[in-house]
Amino acid sequence: MRLETISPSPGSRKARKRVGRGDGSGHGTYSGRGCKGQKSRAGYRMKPGFEGGQLPLIKRLPRKRGFTNIFRIEYSVVNLTRLNVFEPESEVDLEKLITAGIVKSLRRPVKILGEGDIDRPLSVKAHKFSAVARAKIEAAGGTVQEVANAGPAK
C-alpha cells in the first residue's frame, strides 16, 4: 500500500455546496434561498418557536409551560421498613442513618415516610416526618423528634 493510493470510501465525503457562483453552478440566481422575503436576506435568524407571526404553540398551550420553584426543598426520604435494622429501644439520629448506609449524606434534609411497618420501639430524630410515619413509630412504642432544618439544599 502506498500513501498516494489511499482514498476515502465512496460516499463518505461530500462536496461543499458553493452558492452564489452563477447560473452554471446549479445554485444560481437566488443561491438556494428562493425569491425575496425575510428568509432570503443576509443576517436572517429566526428565533426558536417563531411561527411567522402566528400565535406560537408555546403561547397557545399555557399548561405546557409551567415553572420551577426555586424555594423547593428536596428531601432524602427514608421509609419505615429501613429502620428495622436498628436494635429495639435504640436512638436513631442522622449520624446513625449515615453509618447504616440508609442516607448517603446530610446535604439534603431527611424525611421519614410511612411505607412499610416498624416492629420495634425506636427513638427517631429527623428533619421531617409524614403523619403516617409519626403514627406508626408512636404505635410501636417509639418516640419522634424533629431536628432543626438546615434550609434549602443548593
Protein backbone atom coordinates (compact mmCIF):
# COMPACT_ATOMS: atom_id res chain seq x y z
CA MET A 1 0.00 0.00 0.00
CA ARG A 2 1.26 3.45 -0.87
CA LEU A 3 0.21 6.79 0.55
CA GLU A 4 -0.88 8.23 -2.78
CA THR A 5 -3.20 5.25 -3.42
CA ILE A 6 -5.28 5.78 -0.27
CA SER A 7 -8.69 7.35 -0.92
CA PRO A 8 -11.81 7.75 1.21
CA SER A 9 -14.61 5.22 0.82
CA PRO A 10 -17.15 6.13 -1.84
CA GLY A 11 -19.93 8.35 -0.50
CA SER A 12 -18.13 9.22 2.75
CA ARG A 13 -17.01 12.68 1.57
CA LYS A 14 -19.47 15.17 0.10
CA ALA A 15 -18.58 18.32 -1.81
CA ARG A 16 -19.45 21.64 -0.15
CA LYS A 17 -22.41 23.49 -1.69
CA ARG A 18 -20.89 26.57 -3.38
CA VAL A 19 -23.69 29.09 -3.64
CA GLY A 20 -23.61 32.49 -5.34
CA ARG A 21 -21.34 31.30 -8.16
CA GLY A 22 -23.60 31.89 -11.16
CA ASP A 23 -26.31 30.04 -13.03
CA GLY A 24 -23.98 27.37 -14.34
CA SER A 25 -23.23 26.15 -10.81
CA GLY A 26 -26.71 24.77 -10.30
CA HIS A 27 -27.22 27.16 -7.35
CA GLY A 28 -27.54 30.34 -9.38
CA THR A 29 -29.84 33.38 -9.40
CA TYR A 30 -31.22 33.07 -5.85
CA SER A 31 -28.47 30.85 -4.36
CA GLY A 32 -30.93 28.31 -2.99
CA ARG A 33 -32.83 30.92 -0.94
CA GLY A 34 -35.97 31.18 -3.05
CA CYS A 35 -37.45 34.56 -4.01
CA LYS A 36 -37.48 37.74 -1.89
CA GLY A 37 -38.72 37.92 1.69
CA GLN A 38 -37.11 37.98 5.11
CA LYS A 39 -35.60 34.49 4.81
CA SER A 40 -33.74 35.38 1.61
CA ARG A 41 -31.83 38.26 3.22
CA ALA A 42 -28.36 38.17 4.76
CA GLY A 43 -28.26 38.11 8.55
CA TYR A 44 -31.68 36.48 8.87
CA ARG A 45 -32.11 34.45 12.05
CA MET A 46 -35.46 33.05 13.16
CA LYS A 47 -35.96 32.90 16.93
CA PRO A 48 -36.81 29.48 18.40
CA GLY A 49 -40.57 28.98 18.50
CA PHE A 50 -41.30 31.76 15.96
CA GLU A 51 -44.14 30.76 13.66
CA GLY A 52 -44.23 33.64 11.17
CA GLY A 53 -46.35 35.92 13.34
CA GLN A 54 -48.93 33.26 14.12
CA LEU A 55 -49.51 32.83 17.86
CA PRO A 56 -46.80 30.30 18.79
CA LEU A 57 -47.69 26.87 20.13
CA ILE A 58 -46.00 27.59 23.45
CA LYS A 59 -48.33 30.55 24.00
CA ARG A 60 -51.39 28.62 22.87
CA LEU A 61 -50.80 25.85 25.44
CA PRO A 62 -50.19 27.54 28.80
CA ARG A 63 -50.47 24.24 30.71
CA LYS A 64 -47.30 23.02 28.98
CA ARG A 65 -45.14 25.90 30.20
CA GLY A 66 -45.02 25.55 33.97
CA PHE A 67 -42.26 26.91 36.17
CA THR A 68 -39.52 25.76 38.54
CA ASN A 69 -39.95 26.63 42.19
CA ILE A 70 -36.53 27.85 43.33
CA PHE A 71 -37.52 27.53 47.01
CA ARG A 72 -38.40 23.81 46.78
CA ILE A 73 -36.70 21.65 49.42
CA GLU A 74 -35.50 18.24 48.20
CA TYR A 75 -35.54 15.63 50.97
CA SER A 76 -33.63 12.39 51.37
CA VAL A 77 -36.52 10.04 52.05
CA VAL A 78 -36.33 7.03 54.37
CA ASN A 79 -39.18 4.53 54.64
CA LEU A 80 -40.08 2.92 57.96
CA THR A 81 -39.10 -0.56 56.75
CA ARG A 82 -35.46 0.56 56.53
CA LEU A 83 -35.45 1.43 60.26
CA ASN A 84 -35.92 -2.22 61.29
CA VAL A 85 -32.12 -2.73 61.06
CA PHE A 86 -31.63 -0.85 64.34
CA GLU A 87 -31.77 -2.51 67.75
CA PRO A 88 -35.02 -2.10 69.76
CA GLU A 89 -35.04 0.82 72.23
CA SER A 90 -32.12 2.48 70.38
CA GLU A 91 -31.87 6.12 69.36
CA VAL A 92 -31.81 6.67 65.59
CA ASP A 93 -30.32 10.04 64.64
CA LEU A 94 -28.90 11.44 61.40
CA GLU A 95 -25.36 10.15 62.03
CA LYS A 96 -26.62 6.60 62.64
CA LEU A 97 -28.63 6.73 59.40
CA ILE A 98 -25.43 7.61 57.53
CA THR A 99 -23.30 4.91 59.18
CA ALA A 100 -26.00 2.30 58.43
CA GLY A 101 -25.91 3.38 54.77
CA ILE A 102 -29.58 4.38 54.71
CA VAL A 103 -28.79 8.04 53.95
CA LYS A 104 -25.83 8.93 51.75
CA SER A 105 -25.11 12.44 53.06
CA LEU A 106 -26.65 15.28 55.03
CA ARG A 107 -26.63 17.64 52.06
CA ARG A 108 -30.39 17.22 51.91
CA PRO A 109 -32.68 17.20 54.96
CA VAL A 110 -34.03 13.77 55.93
CA LYS A 111 -37.74 12.92 55.87
CA ILE A 112 -39.18 9.71 57.32
CA LEU A 113 -42.11 8.28 55.32
CA GLY A 114 -44.68 5.69 56.42
CA GLU A 115 -44.08 2.98 53.77
CA GLY A 116 -43.99 -0.45 55.43
CA ASP A 117 -44.18 -1.32 59.11
CA ILE A 118 -41.89 -0.92 62.11
CA ASP A 119 -41.84 -3.73 64.67
CA ARG A 120 -39.68 -2.24 67.41
CA PRO A 121 -39.73 0.87 69.63
CA LEU A 122 -37.18 3.41 68.39
CA SER A 123 -36.40 7.00 69.28
CA VAL A 124 -36.13 8.61 65.82
CA LYS A 125 -34.66 12.05 65.10
CA ALA A 126 -35.03 13.58 61.62
CA HIS A 127 -35.86 16.87 59.90
CA LYS A 128 -39.42 15.89 58.92
CA PHE A 129 -41.93 13.06 59.42
CA SER A 130 -45.05 12.19 57.47
CA ALA A 131 -48.21 11.88 59.58
CA VAL A 132 -48.44 8.13 58.87
CA ALA A 133 -44.78 7.56 59.84
CA ARG A 134 -45.22 9.51 63.07
CA ALA A 135 -48.31 7.47 63.99
CA LYS A 136 -46.65 4.10 63.22
CA ILE A 137 -43.48 4.90 65.22
CA GLU A 138 -45.53 6.01 68.23
CA ALA A 139 -47.85 2.96 67.90
CA ALA A 140 -44.76 0.70 68.08
CA GLY A 141 -43.80 2.38 71.38
CA GLY A 142 -41.17 4.73 69.97
CA THR A 143 -40.74 8.49 70.02
CA VAL A 144 -40.38 11.09 67.29
CA GLN A 145 -38.26 14.23 67.45
CA GLU A 146 -37.85 16.81 64.67
CA VAL A 147 -34.42 18.42 64.48
CA ALA A 148 -33.86 21.94 63.15
CA ASN A 149 -33.90 22.16 59.38
CA ALA A 150 -30.72 23.33 57.69
CA GLY A 151 -32.72 25.15 54.97
CA PRO A 152 -32.96 24.54 51.25
CA ALA A 153 -30.14 22.48 49.75
CA LYS A 154 -28.17 24.15 46.97
